[in-house]
Amino acid sequence: MNPAVEQVRALLERARALEANAPLEAGEFYHQARLLDAGCLEAHNALERLRSSHAYGRWMNIDCVIDERDDIYRFFASQDIARNPIREYLADGWRTLAELMPLLEREGKPLTGVGSMLEFASGFGRFTRHLTRVLPGRVTCSDVLPGSTDFARERFGVEAFDSATNPERITWPRRYELIFILSFFTHVPLHAWQRWLAHFAAALEDGGLLIFSIHSPAYAIEHNVPLDADGGCFLRSSEQSALSTDEYGTTFATWERVRREIGAAIPGARVEIHPNTFWIAQDAVVVRGGR
């Protein structure tokens, strides 16, 4: 066995044995384990639980516990450039907040003034933990991943409900002033877009905004993605291990295709597309309902 792996295991065992009666000492062993393995979630979550001086939550002022089922965290941890995947994962959620706020300012709807927001496809809270600081008591989350909505309710105090792979099976608890969906239409097959879009439109308040992200068409060209004659492509692969690649893969579409799908699903909708707004190469699509 790798000596470093064995050392981390030994530190974790000592920390567990001490945690109940000597939490400060246990925290130091957890800290040493995380120094040796920057991606050690057991050590990280223990430090958060113990409110250790080494906990990220003390200086980020958010709940920094990361669920071990979180495939997005595992995606970060798998990258060769990820020197500190925990910190990078947490910082990336803050980046989404920093990307969304100026977009909403340009659209004349500042985030702090939003009365109700649905974060759909919220996962295990990469973004939610940051969002709830800005909109306390005004955020609802939804996802299809097992355990994700329970985690969101327990950790971040939001309302949350389970999603479904079939949009018609989802009953909206209410209507929302803002629906935000990051990296969902980048994965859903194009043949299902109109059903999803129409269902989201039904959950918008009058005058509300639907914002979602798409892969930039320029990114598709750069990576030689073969778009069909209608301007779309669906690849059966994604970073989510819990979902079928028939229903959740990787989707590309031209802006013209995106506008056609929205127009067919939400007649009269007004659409704005903002290039390179989220993540590395995702464009923001802003839809105002057709009512």
C-alpha atoms as a PDB file:
ATOM      1  CA  MET A   1       0.000   0.000   0.000  1.00  0.00           C
ATOM      2  CA  ASN A   2       1.100   3.566  -0.705  1.00  0.00           C
ATOM      3  CA  PRO A   3       2.735   4.910   2.512  1.00  0.00           C
ATOM      4  CA  ALA A   4       0.766   8.169   2.280  1.00  0.00           C
ATOM      5  CA  VAL A   5      -2.534   6.277   1.974  1.00  0.00           C
ATOM      6  CA  GLU A   6      -1.621   4.160   4.984  1.00  0.00           C
ATOM      7  CA  GLN A   7      -0.705   7.277   6.961  1.00  0.00           C
ATOM      8  CA  VAL A   8      -4.025   8.950   6.150  1.00  0.00           C
ATOM      9  CA  ARG A   9      -5.905   5.821   7.200  1.00  0.00           C
ATOM     10  CA  ALA A  10      -4.030   5.716  10.506  1.00  0.00           C
ATOM     11  CA  LEU A  11      -4.746   9.392  11.183  1.00  0.00           C
ATOM     12  CA  LEU A  12      -8.453   8.899  10.474  1.00  0.00           C
ATOM     13  CA  GLU A  13      -8.603   5.914  12.829  1.00  0.00           C
ATOM     14  CA  ARG A  14      -6.987   7.924  15.640  1.00  0.00           C
ATOM     15  CA  ALA A  15      -9.320  10.846  15.008  1.00  0.00           C
ATOM     16  CA  ARG A  16     -12.435   8.669  15.104  1.00  0.00           C
ATOM     17  CA  ALA A  17     -11.358   7.118  18.393  1.00  0.00           C
ATOM     18  CA  LEU A  18     -10.834  10.550  19.964  1.00  0.00           C
ATOM     19  CA  GLU A  19     -13.779  12.463  18.531  1.00  0.00           C
ATOM     20  CA  ALA A  20     -16.364  11.751  21.233  1.00  0.00           C
ATOM     21  CA  ASN A  21     -14.186  12.631  24.237  1.00  0.00           C
ATOM     22  CA  ALA A  22     -11.413  14.820  22.838  1.00  0.00           C
ATOM     23  CA  PRO A  23     -12.818  16.692  19.832  1.00  0.00           C
ATOM     24  CA  LEU A  24     -10.033  19.288  19.688  1.00  0.00           C
ATOM     25  CA  GLU A  25      -7.359  16.612  19.521  1.00  0.00           C
ATOM     26  CA  ALA A  26      -9.417  14.640  17.014  1.00  0.00           C
ATOM     27  CA  GLY A  27      -9.680  17.754  14.877  1.00  0.00           C
ATOM     28  CA  GLU A  28      -5.913  18.007  14.671  1.00  0.00           C
ATOM     29  CA  PHE A  29      -5.652  14.444  13.390  1.00  0.00           C
ATOM     30  CA  TYR A  30      -8.406  15.082  10.831  1.00  0.00           C
ATOM     31  CA  HIS A  31      -6.519  18.217   9.791  1.00  0.00           C
ATOM     32  CA  GLN A  32      -3.312  16.255   9.316  1.00  0.00           C
ATOM     33  CA  ALA A  33      -5.188  13.684   7.230  1.00  0.00           C
ATOM     34  CA  ARG A  34      -6.577  16.396   4.968  1.00  0.00           C
ATOM     35  CA  LEU A  35      -3.136  17.970   4.597  1.00  0.00           C
ATOM     36  CA  LEU A  36      -1.865  14.634   3.287  1.00  0.00           C
ATOM     37  CA  ASP A  37      -4.936  14.044   1.116  1.00  0.00           C
ATOM     38  CA  ALA A  38      -6.580  17.335   0.097  1.00  0.00           C
ATOM     39  CA  GLY A  39      -9.579  15.427  -1.282  1.00  0.00           C
ATOM     40  CA  CYS A  40     -10.338  13.397   1.851  1.00  0.00           C
ATOM     41  CA  LEU A  41     -14.060  14.027   2.399  1.00  0.00           C
ATOM     42  CA  GLU A  42     -14.184  12.130   5.679  1.00  0.00           C
ATOM     43  CA  ALA A  43     -11.587  14.427   7.189  1.00  0.00           C
ATOM     44  CA  HIS A  44     -13.128  17.533   5.655  1.00  0.00           C
ATOM     45  CA  ASN A  45     -16.677  16.775   6.812  1.00  0.00           C
ATOM     46  CA  ALA A  46     -15.441  15.879  10.292  1.00  0.00           C
ATOM     47  CA  LEU A  47     -13.670  19.229  10.577  1.00  0.00           C
ATOM     48  CA  GLU A  48     -16.918  20.958   9.553  1.00  0.00           C
ATOM     49  CA  ARG A  49     -18.937  18.879  12.012  1.00  0.00           C
ATOM     50  CA  LEU A  50     -16.527  19.697  14.845  1.00  0.00           C
ATOM     51  CA  ARG A  51     -16.450  23.383  13.849  1.00  0.00           C
ATOM     52  CA  SER A  52     -12.704  23.112  13.930  1.00  0.00           C
ATOM     53  CA  SER A  53     -10.489  26.140  13.407  1.00  0.00           C
ATOM     54  CA  HIS A  54      -9.410  24.324  10.243  1.00  0.00           C
ATOM     55  CA  ALA A  55     -12.979  24.104   8.873  1.00  0.00           C
ATOM     56  CA  TYR A  56     -13.652  25.972   5.649  1.00  0.00           C
ATOM     57  CA  GLY A  57     -17.096  26.955   6.921  1.00  0.00           C
ATOM     58  CA  ARG A  58     -15.572  29.223   9.576  1.00  0.00           C
ATOM     59  CA  TRP A  59     -14.125  31.598   6.986  1.00  0.00           C
ATOM     60  CA  MET A  60     -16.500  31.010   4.066  1.00  0.00           C
ATOM     61  CA  ASN A  61     -19.501  31.535   6.375  1.00  0.00           C
ATOM     62  CA  ILE A  62     -21.536  28.816   4.661  1.00  0.00           C
ATOM     63  CA  ASP A  63     -22.295  25.160   5.315  1.00  0.00           C
ATOM     64  CA  CYS A  64     -19.327  23.411   3.680  1.00  0.00           C
ATOM     65  CA  VAL A  65     -20.268  19.764   4.265  1.00  0.00           C
ATOM     66  CA  ILE A  66     -20.050  17.808   0.989  1.00  0.00           C
ATOM     67  CA  ASP A  67     -22.121  14.685   0.430  1.00  0.00           C
ATOM     68  CA  GLU A  68     -20.048  11.646  -0.529  1.00  0.00           C
ATOM     69  CA  ARG A  69     -22.604  10.800  -3.256  1.00  0.00           C
ATOM     70  CA  ASP A  70     -21.923  14.065  -5.076  1.00  0.00           C
ATOM     71  CA  ASP A  71     -20.728  13.186  -8.590  1.00  0.00           C
ATOM     72  CA  ILE A  72     -19.900  16.822  -9.295  1.00  0.00           C
ATOM     73  CA  TYR A  73     -17.428  16.782  -6.420  1.00  0.00           C
ATOM     74  CA  ARG A  74     -15.963  13.531  -7.744  1.00  0.00           C
ATOM     75  CA  PHE A  75     -15.630  15.184 -11.147  1.00  0.00           C
ATOM     76  CA  PHE A  76     -13.556  17.962  -9.574  1.00  0.00           C
ATOM     77  CA  ALA A  77     -11.466  15.442  -7.653  1.00  0.00           C
ATOM     78  CA  SER A  78     -10.734  13.467 -10.829  1.00  0.00           C
ATOM     79  CA  GLN A  79      -9.130  16.396 -12.643  1.00  0.00           C
ATOM     80  CA  ASP A  80      -5.347  16.379 -12.924  1.00  0.00           C
ATOM     81  CA  ILE A  81      -5.170  20.108 -12.140  1.00  0.00           C
ATOM     82  CA  ALA A  82      -7.244  19.769  -8.954  1.00  0.00           C
ATOM     83  CA  ARG A  83      -4.642  20.395  -6.256  1.00  0.00           C
ATOM     84  CA  ASN A  84      -7.352  20.995  -3.652  1.00  0.00           C
ATOM     85  CA  PRO A  85     -10.639  19.582  -5.017  1.00  0.00           C
ATOM     86  CA  ILE A  86     -12.664  20.434  -1.906  1.00  0.00           C
ATOM     87  CA  ARG A  87     -11.716  24.093  -1.985  1.00  0.00           C
ATOM     88  CA  GLU A  88     -12.134  24.237  -5.763  1.00  0.00           C
ATOM     89  CA  TYR A  89     -15.582  22.630  -5.575  1.00  0.00           C
ATOM     90  CA  LEU A  90     -16.713  25.103  -2.920  1.00  0.00           C
ATOM     91  CA  ALA A  91     -15.216  28.052  -4.780  1.00  0.00           C
ATOM     92  CA  ASP A  92     -16.917  26.985  -8.009  1.00  0.00           C
ATOM     93  CA  GLY A  93     -20.327  27.288  -6.380  1.00  0.00           C
ATOM     94  CA  TRP A  94     -19.418  30.840  -5.416  1.00  0.00           C
ATOM     95  CA  ARG A  95     -18.356  31.428  -9.027  1.00  0.00           C
ATOM     96  CA  THR A  96     -21.840  30.492 -10.230  1.00  0.00           C
ATOM     97  CA  LEU A  97     -23.281  33.099  -7.871  1.00  0.00           C
ATOM     98  CA  ALA A  98     -20.802  35.663  -9.220  1.00  0.00           C
ATOM     99  CA  GLU A  99     -21.863  34.769 -12.775  1.00  0.00           C
ATOM    100  CA  LEU A 100     -25.627  34.816 -12.138  1.00  0.00           C
ATOM    101  CA  MET A 101     -25.827  38.129 -10.279  1.00  0.00           C
ATOM    102  CA  PRO A 102     -24.542  40.425 -13.068  1.00  0.00           C
ATOM    103  CA  LEU A 103     -26.671  38.537 -15.606  1.00  0.00           C
ATOM    104  CA  LEU A 104     -29.784  39.300 -13.572  1.00  0.00           C
ATOM    105  CA  GLU A 105     -28.710  42.927 -13.200  1.00  0.00           C
ATOM    106  CA  ARG A 106     -28.537  43.205 -17.003  1.00  0.00           C
ATOM    107  CA  GLU A 107     -32.007  41.678 -17.207  1.00  0.00           C
ATOM    108  CA  GLY A 108     -33.399  44.218 -14.748  1.00  0.00           C
ATOM    109  CA  LYS A 109     -34.108  41.679 -12.001  1.00  0.00           C
ATOM    110  CA  PRO A 110     -31.434  41.904  -9.265  1.00  0.00           C
ATOM    111  CA  LEU A 111     -31.059  38.629  -7.408  1.00  0.00           C
ATOM    112  CA  THR A 112     -31.461  40.172  -3.955  1.00  0.00           C
ATOM    113  CA  GLY A 113     -34.906  41.427  -4.971  1.00  0.00           C
ATOM    114  CA  VAL A 114     -36.208  38.051  -6.156  1.00  0.00           C
ATOM    115  CA  GLY A 115     -39.107  36.924  -3.992  1.00  0.00           C
ATOM    116  CA  SER A 116     -39.079  33.226  -4.909  1.00  0.00           C
ATOM    117  CA  MET A 117     -36.576  31.090  -6.767  1.00  0.00           C
ATOM    118  CA  LEU A 118     -36.496  27.494  -7.950  1.00  0.00           C
ATOM    119  CA  GLU A 119     -33.050  26.022  -8.436  1.00  0.00           C
ATOM    120  CA  PHE A 120     -33.789  23.008 -10.608  1.00  0.00           C
ATOM    121  CA  ALA A 121     -31.240  20.213 -11.043  1.00  0.00           C
ATOM    122  CA  SER A 122     -29.633  21.491  -7.855  1.00  0.00           C
ATOM    123  CA  GLY A 123     -27.700  18.300  -7.118  1.00  0.00           C
ATOM    124  CA  PHE A 124     -26.054  18.136  -3.712  1.00  0.00           C
ATOM    125  CA  GLY A 125     -25.803  21.868  -3.231  1.00  0.00           C
ATOM    126  CA  ARG A 126     -22.644  23.003  -5.001  1.00  0.00           C
ATOM    127  CA  PHE A 127     -24.426  26.306  -5.726  1.00  0.00           C
ATOM    128  CA  THR A 128     -27.265  26.126  -3.195  1.00  0.00           C
ATOM    129  CA  ARG A 129     -24.997  26.632  -0.173  1.00  0.00           C
ATOM    130  CA  HIS A 130     -23.976  30.032  -1.555  1.00  0.00           C
ATOM    131  CA  LEU A 131     -27.399  31.013  -2.899  1.00  0.00           C
ATOM    132  CA  THR A 132     -29.186  30.646   0.432  1.00  0.00           C
ATOM    133  CA  ARG A 133     -27.012  33.358   1.980  1.00  0.00           C
ATOM    134  CA  VAL A 134     -28.350  35.812  -0.597  1.00  0.00           C
ATOM    135  CA  LEU A 135     -31.970  34.613  -0.600  1.00  0.00           C
ATOM    136  CA  PRO A 136     -32.682  33.204   2.874  1.00  0.00           C
ATOM    137  CA  GLY A 137     -36.101  31.563   2.994  1.00  0.00           C
ATOM    138  CA  ARG A 138     -36.762  32.201  -0.700  1.00  0.00           C
ATOM    139  CA  VAL A 139     -35.070  29.221  -2.380  1.00  0.00           C
ATOM    140  CA  THR A 140     -36.646  25.926  -3.423  1.00  0.00           C
ATOM    141  CA  CYS A 141     -34.501  23.087  -4.787  1.00  0.00           C
ATOM    142  CA  SER A 142     -35.342  20.081  -6.910  1.00  0.00           C
ATOM    143  CA  ASP A 143     -33.335  17.175  -8.265  1.00  0.00           C
ATOM    144  CA  VAL A 144     -33.797  13.565  -9.327  1.00  0.00           C
ATOM    145  CA  LEU A 145     -30.632  12.234  -7.663  1.00  0.00           C
ATOM    146  CA  PRO A 146     -31.459   9.940  -4.709  1.00  0.00           C
ATOM    147  CA  GLY A 147     -30.887  11.689  -1.388  1.00  0.00           C
ATOM    148  CA  SER A 148     -30.122  15.103  -2.884  1.00  0.00           C
ATOM    149  CA  THR A 149     -33.295  16.878  -1.759  1.00  0.00           C
ATOM    150  CA  ASP A 150     -33.039  15.435   1.761  1.00  0.00           C
ATOM    151  CA  PHE A 151     -29.461  16.705   1.918  1.00  0.00           C
ATOM    152  CA  ALA A 152     -30.522  20.170   0.724  1.00  0.00           C
ATOM    153  CA  ARG A 153     -33.299  20.431   3.317  1.00  0.00           C
ATOM    154  CA  GLU A 154     -31.125  19.217   6.182  1.00  0.00           C
ATOM    155  CA  ARG A 155     -27.943  21.148   5.383  1.00  0.00           C
ATOM    156  CA  PHE A 156     -29.228  24.385   3.829  1.00  0.00           C
ATOM    157  CA  GLY A 157     -32.733  24.756   5.252  1.00  0.00           C
ATOM    158  CA  VAL A 158     -34.412  25.124   1.863  1.00  0.00           C
ATOM    159  CA  GLU A 159     -37.694  23.761   0.622  1.00  0.00           C
ATOM    160  CA  ALA A 160     -36.945  20.859  -1.688  1.00  0.00           C
ATOM    161  CA  PHE A 161     -38.866  18.273  -3.684  1.00  0.00           C
ATOM    162  CA  ASP A 162     -37.906  15.302  -5.817  1.00  0.00           C
ATOM    163  CA  SER A 163     -37.801  15.718  -9.573  1.00  0.00           C
ATOM    164  CA  ALA A 164     -38.432  12.995 -12.177  1.00  0.00           C
ATOM    165  CA  THR A 165     -37.034  11.957 -15.532  1.00  0.00           C
ATOM    166  CA  ASN A 166     -40.463  12.652 -17.055  1.00  0.00           C
ATOM    167  CA  PRO A 167     -41.512  16.326 -16.704  1.00  0.00           C
ATOM    168  CA  GLU A 168     -45.223  15.506 -16.679  1.00  0.00           C
ATOM    169  CA  ARG A 169     -44.705  13.547 -13.453  1.00  0.00           C
ATOM    170  CA  ILE A 170     -43.539  16.676 -11.603  1.00  0.00           C
ATOM    171  CA  THR A 171     -46.107  18.687  -9.665  1.00  0.00           C
ATOM    172  CA  TRP A 172     -44.883  22.189  -8.889  1.00  0.00           C
ATOM    173  CA  PRO A 173     -45.527  23.201  -5.256  1.00  0.00           C
ATOM    174  CA  ARG A 174     -46.040  26.803  -6.394  1.00  0.00           C
ATOM    175  CA  ARG A 175     -45.036  29.258  -9.117  1.00  0.00           C
ATOM    176  CA  TYR A 176     -41.711  31.087  -8.998  1.00  0.00           C
ATOM    177  CA  GLU A 177     -40.400  34.510  -9.909  1.00  0.00           C
ATOM    178  CA  LEU A 178     -37.111  32.988 -11.070  1.00  0.00           C
ATOM    179  CA  ILE A 179     -36.321  29.468 -12.258  1.00  0.00           C
ATOM    180  CA  PHE A 180     -32.597  28.807 -12.637  1.00  0.00           C
ATOM    181  CA  ILE A 181     -31.306  25.633 -14.271  1.00  0.00           C
ATOM    182  CA  LEU A 182     -27.563  25.189 -14.658  1.00  0.00           C
ATOM    183  CA  SER A 183     -26.188  22.303 -16.739  1.00  0.00           C
ATOM    184  CA  PHE A 184     -29.477  20.502 -17.313  1.00  0.00           C
ATOM    185  CA  PHE A 185     -30.294  21.318 -20.929  1.00  0.00           C
ATOM    186  CA  THR A 186     -26.624  20.617 -21.611  1.00  0.00           C
ATOM    187  CA  HIS A 187     -27.492  16.976 -20.830  1.00  0.00           C
ATOM    188  CA  VAL A 188     -31.177  16.405 -21.725  1.00  0.00           C
ATOM    189  CA  PRO A 189     -31.861  14.922 -25.195  1.00  0.00           C
ATOM    190  CA  LEU A 190     -33.174  17.488 -27.649  1.00  0.00           C
ATOM    191  CA  HIS A 191     -36.331  15.469 -28.344  1.00  0.00           C
ATOM    192  CA  ALA A 192     -37.391  16.143 -24.730  1.00  0.00           C
ATOM    193  CA  TRP A 193     -36.674  19.871 -24.636  1.00  0.00           C
ATOM    194  CA  GLN A 194     -40.131  21.104 -25.605  1.00  0.00           C
ATOM    195  CA  ARG A 195     -41.845  19.043 -22.905  1.00  0.00           C
ATOM    196  CA  TRP A 196     -39.445  20.327 -20.267  1.00  0.00           C
ATOM    197  CA  LEU A 197     -39.642  23.927 -21.438  1.00  0.00           C
ATOM    198  CA  ALA A 198     -43.438  23.953 -21.492  1.00  0.00           C
ATOM    199  CA  HIS A 199     -43.547  22.470 -18.006  1.00  0.00           C
ATOM    200  CA  PHE A 200     -41.092  25.043 -16.638  1.00  0.00           C
ATOM    201  CA  ALA A 201     -43.122  27.844 -18.215  1.00  0.00           C
ATOM    202  CA  ALA A 202     -46.151  26.635 -16.258  1.00  0.00           C
ATOM    203  CA  ALA A 203     -44.182  27.101 -13.024  1.00  0.00           C
ATOM    204  CA  LEU A 204     -43.271  30.739 -13.721  1.00  0.00           C
ATOM    205  CA  GLU A 205     -45.049  33.661 -12.154  1.00  0.00           C
ATOM    206  CA  ASP A 206     -46.358  36.259 -14.588  1.00  0.00           C
ATOM    207  CA  GLY A 207     -43.358  38.368 -15.529  1.00  0.00           C
ATOM    208  CA  GLY A 208     -40.947  35.760 -14.188  1.00  0.00           C
ATOM    209  CA  LEU A 209     -37.684  34.606 -15.729  1.00  0.00           C
ATOM    210  CA  LEU A 210     -36.511  31.160 -16.782  1.00  0.00           C
ATOM    211  CA  ILE A 211     -32.723  31.004 -17.058  1.00  0.00           C
ATOM    212  CA  PHE A 212     -30.836  27.942 -18.200  1.00  0.00           C
ATOM    213  CA  SER A 213     -27.445  27.164 -19.672  1.00  0.00           C
ATOM    214  CA  ILE A 214     -26.446  25.501 -22.934  1.00  0.00           C
ATOM    215  CA  HIS A 215     -23.117  24.430 -24.354  1.00  0.00           C
ATOM    216  CA  SER A 216     -21.743  27.207 -26.508  1.00  0.00           C
ATOM    217  CA  PRO A 217     -21.999  26.316 -30.233  1.00  0.00           C
ATOM    218  CA  ALA A 218     -18.417  27.569 -30.567  1.00  0.00           C
ATOM    219  CA  TYR A 219     -17.371  24.955 -28.006  1.00  0.00           C
ATOM    220  CA  ALA A 220     -19.011  22.256 -30.136  1.00  0.00           C
ATOM    221  CA  ILE A 221     -17.143  23.428 -33.220  1.00  0.00           C
ATOM    222  CA  GLU A 222     -13.867  23.614 -31.303  1.00  0.00           C
ATOM    223  CA  HIS A 223     -14.276  19.995 -30.165  1.00  0.00           C
ATOM    224  CA  ASN A 224     -15.465  18.678 -33.542  1.00  0.00           C
ATOM    225  CA  VAL A 225     -18.925  17.726 -32.302  1.00  0.00           C
ATOM    226  CA  PRO A 226     -20.954  16.566 -35.335  1.00  0.00           C
ATOM    227  CA  LEU A 227     -24.140  18.670 -35.308  1.00  0.00           C
ATOM    228  CA  ASP A 228     -26.982  17.290 -37.415  1.00  0.00           C
ATOM    229  CA  ALA A 229     -28.925  19.164 -40.102  1.00  0.00           C
ATOM    230  CA  ASP A 230     -31.260  20.595 -37.445  1.00  0.00           C
ATOM    231  CA  GLY A 231     -28.356  22.009 -35.448  1.00  0.00           C
ATOM    232  CA  GLY A 232     -28.175  19.519 -32.605  1.00  0.00           C
ATOM    233  CA  CYS A 233     -26.248  16.575 -31.186  1.00  0.00           C
ATOM    234  CA  PHE A 234     -26.738  14.229 -28.233  1.00  0.00           C
ATOM    235  CA  LEU A 235     -23.859  12.109 -26.919  1.00  0.00           C
ATOM    236  CA  ARG A 236     -24.529   9.266 -24.498  1.00  0.00           C
ATOM    237  CA  SER A 237     -22.013  10.227 -21.804  1.00  0.00           C
ATOM    238  CA  SER A 238     -21.965  12.458 -18.719  1.00  0.00           C
ATOM    239  CA  GLU A 239     -20.310  12.885 -15.327  1.00  0.00           C
ATOM    240  CA  GLN A 240     -23.422  11.620 -13.484  1.00  0.00           C
ATOM    241  CA  SER A 241     -23.044   7.931 -12.679  1.00  0.00           C
ATOM    242  CA  ALA A 242     -26.543   7.590 -11.177  1.00  0.00           C
ATOM    243  CA  LEU A 243     -28.474   8.536 -14.323  1.00  0.00           C
ATOM    244  CA  SER A 244     -29.079   6.637 -17.543  1.00  0.00           C
ATOM    245  CA  THR A 245     -27.158   8.048 -20.500  1.00  0.00           C
ATOM    246  CA  ASP A 246     -30.294   7.554 -22.610  1.00  0.00           C
ATOM    247  CA  GLU A 247     -31.958  10.297 -20.570  1.00  0.00           C
ATOM    248  CA  TYR A 248     -28.922  12.271 -19.388  1.00  0.00           C
ATOM    249  CA  GLY A 249     -25.937  12.545 -21.693  1.00  0.00           C
ATOM    250  CA  THR A 250     -24.225  15.567 -23.268  1.00  0.00           C
ATOM    251  CA  THR A 251     -26.222  17.866 -25.549  1.00  0.00           C
ATOM    252  CA  PHE A 252     -25.187  20.509 -28.061  1.00  0.00           C
ATOM    253  CA  ALA A 253     -27.394  22.855 -30.075  1.00  0.00           C
ATOM    254  CA  THR A 254     -27.029  25.964 -32.207  1.00  0.00           C
ATOM    255  CA  TRP A 255     -28.688  29.161 -31.049  1.00  0.00           C
ATOM    256  CA  GLU A 256     -31.168  28.822 -33.899  1.00  0.00           C
ATOM    257  CA  ARG A 257     -32.159  25.344 -32.690  1.00  0.00           C
ATOM    258  CA  VAL A 258     -32.503  26.621 -29.122  1.00  0.00           C
ATOM    259  CA  ARG A 259     -34.788  29.451 -30.229  1.00  0.00           C
ATOM    260  CA  ARG A 260     -36.918  27.066 -32.295  1.00  0.00           C
ATOM    261  CA  GLU A 261     -37.397  24.691 -29.369  1.00  0.00           C
ATOM    262  CA  ILE A 262     -38.364  27.547 -27.033  1.00  0.00           C
ATOM    263  CA  GLY A 263     -40.734  29.074 -29.579  1.00  0.00           C
ATOM    264  CA  ALA A 264     -42.506  25.753 -30.106  1.00  0.00           C
ATOM    265  CA  ALA A 265     -42.827  25.079 -26.374  1.00  0.00           C
ATOM    266  CA  ILE A 266     -43.615  28.600 -25.153  1.00  0.00           C
ATOM    267  CA  PRO A 267     -45.363  30.580 -27.918  1.00  0.00           C
ATOM    268  CA  GLY A 268     -44.681  34.292 -27.666  1.00  0.00           C
ATOM    269  CA  ALA A 269     -41.702  33.874 -25.339  1.00  0.00           C
ATOM    270  CA  ARG A 270     -38.967  36.508 -25.512  1.00  0.00           C
ATOM    271  CA  VAL A 271     -35.488  35.021 -25.595  1.00  0.00           C
ATOM    272  CA  GLU A 272     -32.052  36.485 -24.942  1.00  0.00           C
ATOM    273  CA  ILE A 273     -28.845  34.451 -25.220  1.00  0.00           C
ATOM    274  CA  HIS A 274     -25.704  35.634 -23.445  1.00  0.00           C
ATOM    275  CA  PRO A 275     -22.488  33.911 -24.597  1.00  0.00           C
ATOM    276  CA  ASN A 276     -19.922  32.339 -22.260  1.00  0.00           C
ATOM    277  CA  THR A 277     -21.727  33.195 -19.045  1.00  0.00           C
ATOM    278  CA  PHE A 278     -21.400  30.031 -16.937  1.00  0.00           C
ATOM    279  CA  TRP A 279     -18.620  27.551 -16.295  1.00  0.00           C
ATOM    280  CA  ILE A 280     -16.025  27.373 -19.071  1.00  0.00           C
ATOM    281  CA  ALA A 281     -18.146  27.510 -22.218  1.00  0.00           C
ATOM    282  CA  GLN A 282     -21.837  27.620 -21.351  1.00  0.00           C
ATOM    283  CA  ASP A 283     -24.134  30.301 -22.723  1.00  0.00           C
ATOM    284  CA  ALA A 284     -27.018  31.681 -20.677  1.00  0.00           C
ATOM    285  CA  VAL A 285     -30.525  31.527 -22.151  1.00  0.00           C
ATOM    286  CA  VAL A 286     -33.015  33.956 -20.604  1.00  0.00           C
ATOM    287  CA  VAL A 287     -36.692  33.306 -21.321  1.00  0.00           C
ATOM    288  CA  ARG A 288     -39.566  35.612 -20.441  1.00  0.00           C
ATOM    289  CA  GLY A 289     -42.868  33.763 -20.565  1.00  0.00           C
ATOM    290  CA  GLY A 290     -45.300  34.221 -23.407  1.00  0.00           C
ATOM    291  CA  ARG A 291     -48.248  35.244 -21.268  1.00  0.00           C
END
